[in-house]
Structure formats: structure tokens, C-alpha cells
C-alpha atoms as a PDB file:
ATOM      1  CA  MET A   1     117.064  21.089 114.388  1.00  0.00           C
ATOM      2  CA  LYS A   2     116.956  22.405 110.838  1.00  0.00           C
ATOM      3  CA  ILE A   3     113.922  22.189 108.616  1.00  0.00           C
ATOM      4  CA  MET A   4     114.164  22.909 104.900  1.00  0.00           C
ATOM      5  CA  GLN A   5     110.914  24.143 103.399  1.00  0.00           C
ATOM      6  CA  ASN A   6     111.811  23.668  99.740  1.00  0.00           C
ATOM      7  CA  THR A   7     113.496  20.252  99.577  1.00  0.00           C
ATOM      8  CA  GLY A   8     110.419  18.331  98.519  1.00  0.00           C
ATOM      9  CA  GLU A   9     110.838  16.083 101.562  1.00  0.00           C
ATOM     10  CA  PRO A  10     107.919  16.296 104.001  1.00  0.00           C
ATOM     11  CA  ILE A  11     108.673  18.248 107.169  1.00  0.00           C
ATOM     12  CA  TYR A  12     107.540  15.421 109.455  1.00  0.00           C
ATOM     13  CA  LYS A  13     110.045  13.108 107.727  1.00  0.00           C
ATOM     14  CA  GLN A  14     112.855  15.640 108.139  1.00  0.00           C
ATOM     15  CA  ILE A  15     112.097  15.829 111.866  1.00  0.00           C
ATOM     16  CA  ALA A  16     111.840  12.056 112.263  1.00  0.00           C
ATOM     17  CA  ASP A  17     115.082  11.509 110.312  1.00  0.00           C
ATOM     18  CA  GLN A  18     117.008  14.028 112.419  1.00  0.00           C
ATOM     19  CA  ILE A  19     115.775  12.576 115.710  1.00  0.00           C
ATOM     20  CA  ARG A  20     116.407   9.028 114.425  1.00  0.00           C
ATOM     21  CA  GLU A  21     119.975  10.014 113.583  1.00  0.00           C
ATOM     22  CA  GLU A  22     120.445  11.488 117.077  1.00  0.00           C
ATOM     23  CA  ILE A  23     119.210   8.229 118.613  1.00  0.00           C
ATOM     24  CA  LEU A  24     121.351   6.011 116.378  1.00  0.00           C
ATOM     25  CA  THR A  25     124.496   8.049 117.045  1.00  0.00           C
ATOM     26  CA  GLY A  26     123.895   8.086 120.793  1.00  0.00           C
ATOM     27  CA  LYS A  27     123.159  11.799 121.056  1.00  0.00           C
ATOM     28  CA  ARG A  28     119.802  10.861 122.563  1.00  0.00           C
ATOM     29  CA  LYS A  29     120.053   8.053 125.086  1.00  0.00           C
ATOM     30  CA  GLU A  30     117.667   5.425 126.374  1.00  0.00           C
ATOM     31  CA  GLY A  31     115.057   7.036 128.611  1.00  0.00           C
ATOM     32  CA  ASP A  32     115.600  10.578 127.293  1.00  0.00           C
ATOM     33  CA  TYR A  33     112.338  12.388 126.734  1.00  0.00           C
ATOM     34  CA  LEU A  34     111.772  14.146 123.428  1.00  0.00           C
ATOM     35  CA  PRO A  35     110.595  17.754 123.505  1.00  0.00           C
ATOM     36  CA  SER A  36     106.845  18.001 123.911  1.00  0.00           C
ATOM     37  CA  ILE A  37     104.899  18.008 120.677  1.00  0.00           C
ATOM     38  CA  ARG A  38     103.648  21.525 121.336  1.00  0.00           C
ATOM     39  CA  SER A  39     107.034  22.962 122.270  1.00  0.00           C
ATOM     40  CA  LEU A  40     108.779  21.445 119.238  1.00  0.00           C
ATOM     41  CA  ALA A  41     105.998  22.682 116.951  1.00  0.00           C
ATOM     42  CA  LYS A  42     106.328  26.165 118.427  1.00  0.00           C
ATOM     43  CA  GLU A  43     110.137  26.115 118.194  1.00  0.00           C
ATOM     44  CA  LEU A  44     110.066  25.029 114.536  1.00  0.00           C
ATOM     45  CA  ARG A  45     107.016  27.150 113.699  1.00  0.00           C
ATOM     46  CA  ILE A  46     105.105  24.217 112.282  1.00  0.00           C
ATOM     47  CA  SER A  47     101.788  22.603 113.103  1.00  0.00           C
ATOM     48  CA  VAL A  48     101.299  20.296 116.053  1.00  0.00           C
ATOM     49  CA  ILE A  49      99.914  17.710 113.615  1.00  0.00           C
ATOM     50  CA  THR A  50     103.209  17.666 111.680  1.00  0.00           C
ATOM     51  CA  THR A  51     105.204  17.162 114.874  1.00  0.00           C
ATOM     52  CA  MET A  52     102.821  14.431 116.025  1.00  0.00           C
ATOM     53  CA  LYS A  53     103.246  12.658 112.679  1.00  0.00           C
ATOM     54  CA  ALA A  54     107.044  12.738 113.080  1.00  0.00           C
ATOM     55  CA  TYR A  55     106.849  11.256 116.584  1.00  0.00           C
ATOM     56  CA  GLU A  56     104.411   8.594 115.416  1.00  0.00           C
ATOM     57  CA  ALA A  57     106.838   7.649 112.621  1.00  0.00           C
ATOM     58  CA  LEU A  58     109.603   7.255 115.230  1.00  0.00           C
ATOM     59  CA  GLN A  59     107.272   5.112 117.326  1.00  0.00           C
ATOM     60  CA  GLU A  60     106.510   2.889 114.323  1.00  0.00           C
ATOM     61  CA  MET A  61     110.280   2.407 113.869  1.00  0.00           C
ATOM     62  CA  GLY A  62     110.429   1.247 117.477  1.00  0.00           C
ATOM     63  CA  LEU A  63     112.770   4.043 118.515  1.00  0.00           C
ATOM     64  CA  VAL A  64     110.446   5.872 120.921  1.00  0.00           C
ATOM     65  CA  THR A  65     107.471   5.090 123.120  1.00  0.00           C
ATOM     66  CA  ALA A  66     104.581   7.338 124.108  1.00  0.00           C
ATOM     67  CA  VAL A  67     103.708   7.626 127.802  1.00  0.00           C
ATOM     68  CA  GLN A  68     100.260   9.003 128.575  1.00  0.00           C
ATOM     69  CA  GLY A  69     100.581  12.460 130.098  1.00  0.00           C
ATOM     70  CA  LYS A  70     104.385  12.538 129.843  1.00  0.00           C
ATOM     71  CA  GLY A  71     105.238  12.474 126.150  1.00  0.00           C
ATOM     72  CA  TYR A  72     107.655  10.397 124.119  1.00  0.00           C
ATOM     73  CA  TYR A  73     110.895   8.862 125.340  1.00  0.00           C
ATOM     74  CA  VAL A  74     113.755   6.996 123.673  1.00  0.00           C
ATOM     75  CA  ASN A  75     113.478   3.203 123.888  1.00  0.00           C
ATOM     76  CA  ALA A  76     116.216   0.904 125.087  1.00  0.00           C
ATOM     77  CA  ALA A  77     118.755   0.396 122.352  1.00  0.00           C
ATOM     78  CA  ASP A  78     117.986  -2.701 120.346  1.00  0.00           C
ATOM     79  CA  THR A  79     121.461  -3.249 118.920  1.00  0.00           C
ATOM     80  CA  GLU A  80     120.248  -5.554 116.151  1.00  0.00           C
ATOM     81  CA  SER A  81     117.612  -3.039 115.058  1.00  0.00           C
ATOM     82  CA  ILE A  82     120.127  -0.186 115.168  1.00  0.00           C
ATOM     83  CA  ARG A  83     122.626  -2.252 113.156  1.00  0.00           C
ATOM     84  CA  GLU A  84     119.924  -3.047 110.592  1.00  0.00           C
ATOM     85  CA  GLN A  85     119.071   0.650 110.223  1.00  0.00           C
ATOM     86  CA  HIS A  86     122.745   1.509 109.725  1.00  0.00           C
ATOM     87  CA  LEU A  87     123.080  -1.263 107.134  1.00  0.00           C
ATOM     88  CA  ARG A  88     120.090   0.145 105.238  1.00  0.00           C
ATOM     89  CA  LYS A  89     121.676   3.583 105.308  1.00  0.00           C
ATOM     90  CA  VAL A  90     124.968   2.180 103.943  1.00  0.00           C
ATOM     91  CA  GLU A  91     123.135   0.271 101.209  1.00  0.00           C
ATOM     92  CA  ASN A  92     121.238   3.391 100.139  1.00  0.00           C
ATOM     93  CA  ALA A  93     124.415   5.484 100.048  1.00  0.00           C
ATOM     94  CA  LEU A  94     126.233   2.810  98.054  1.00  0.00           C
ATOM     95  CA  MET A  95     123.351   2.557  95.564  1.00  0.00           C
ATOM     96  CA  GLU A  96     123.578   6.319  95.036  1.00  0.00           C
ATOM     97  CA  ALA A  97     127.353   6.002  94.550  1.00  0.00           C
ATOM     98  CA  ILE A  98     126.876   3.186  92.027  1.00  0.00           C
ATOM     99  CA  GLU A  99     124.381   5.273  90.042  1.00  0.00           C
ATOM    100  CA  ALA A 100     126.748   8.265  90.062  1.00  0.00           C
ATOM    101  CA  ALA A 101     129.648   6.008  88.992  1.00  0.00           C
ATOM    102  CA  LYS A 102     127.594   4.674  86.064  1.00  0.00           C
ATOM    103  CA  ILE A 103     126.805   8.212  84.950  1.00  0.00           C
ATOM    104  CA  ALA A 104     130.498   9.131  85.255  1.00  0.00           C
ATOM    105  CA  GLY A 105     131.468   6.045  83.240  1.00  0.00           C
ATOM    106  CA  MET A 106     133.559   4.502  86.022  1.00  0.00           C
ATOM    107  CA  SER A 107     134.478   0.845  85.850  1.00  0.00           C
ATOM    108  CA  MET A 108     133.830  -1.499  88.758  1.00  0.00           C
ATOM    109  CA  ALA A 109     137.583  -1.557  89.470  1.00  0.00           C
ATOM    110  CA  GLU A 110     137.685   2.252  89.629  1.00  0.00           C
ATOM    111  CA  LEU A 111     134.685   2.367  91.944  1.00  0.00           C
ATOM    112  CA  VAL A 112     136.096  -0.309  94.263  1.00  0.00           C
ATOM    113  CA  GLY A 113     139.496   1.433  94.172  1.00  0.00           C
ATOM    114  CA  THR A 114     137.877   4.720  95.152  1.00  0.00           C
ATOM    115  CA  LEU A 115     136.069   3.041  98.047  1.00  0.00           C
ATOM    116  CA  GLU A 116     139.293   1.374  99.236  1.00  0.00           C
ATOM    117  CA  THR A 117     141.152   4.702  99.051  1.00  0.00           C
ATOM    118  CA  LEU A 118     138.460   6.461 101.057  1.00  0.00           C
ATOM    119  CA  LEU A 119     138.469   3.688 103.674  1.00  0.00           C
ATOM    120  CA  GLN A 120     142.259   3.946 103.996  1.00  0.00           C
ATOM    121  CA  MET A 121     142.036   7.715 104.396  1.00  0.00           C
ATOM    122  CA  GLU A 122     139.466   7.189 107.155  1.00  0.00           C
ATOM    123  CA  ASP A 123     141.901   4.909 109.021  1.00  0.00           C
ATOM    124  CA  MET A 124     144.672   7.529 109.016  1.00  0.00           C
END
């Protein structure tokens, strides 16, 4: 796990986002336990409070559950919830692309053409 100190993004959010990505891509499976709060804090050289905040954020998203005395584990995959999170990620990336296209002076046809080209390259 990589933490960037000078990105302006809170450390707890960086941790939560990385673990969320691992869950959504299947790297962490249903029932897998996350590292203990203390061990992750020690590994990353951050406070236990920061790690706890990251795990609580994951719990609020419904991705993990806390078990008294055992820690946090990955919840069963809710395919609709996972799909919704992926759709949000796509929408955010496309909004960034649209903003960049506006700045670059691209027309809608050029932007759509670029997207189609990239999709075709992906299929190759």
C-alpha cells in the first residue's frame, strides 16, 4: 500500500480508496480479514486513529464489517452495489475527460471519436 504525504488527499481516504479498489477488483475476497488496525498503522507509520477512520469509511460503504475481538473482514459481494461504485468511478473519469476536452477545444465529435478509438484498441 502506498501513501502519499503531499497530495492534499487525507491519508485515511487514500487507505480506504486502495482497499476499496482491492475489494472491487477481487483482490480481496468475501470473508478475507483486513490487517489489524495496529499492524497497518505500524506498517504505514501512521496513527491508529487514521487507520481506524479508513476502516470506518469502508464500513460505511458497506464493504467491510467489524467483528468484536477479531477485526474487520470483507463483506459478501453485493453485485449491484459494486456495479454502482464502478459506474460512479466511470462517471467521474468521464467528467474529468470532458473538462480536459473543453480546455483543449475538442468538439463533441472529436471526444466521442477518441473514446471509440480507445475502446477499439482495448478490444484488440
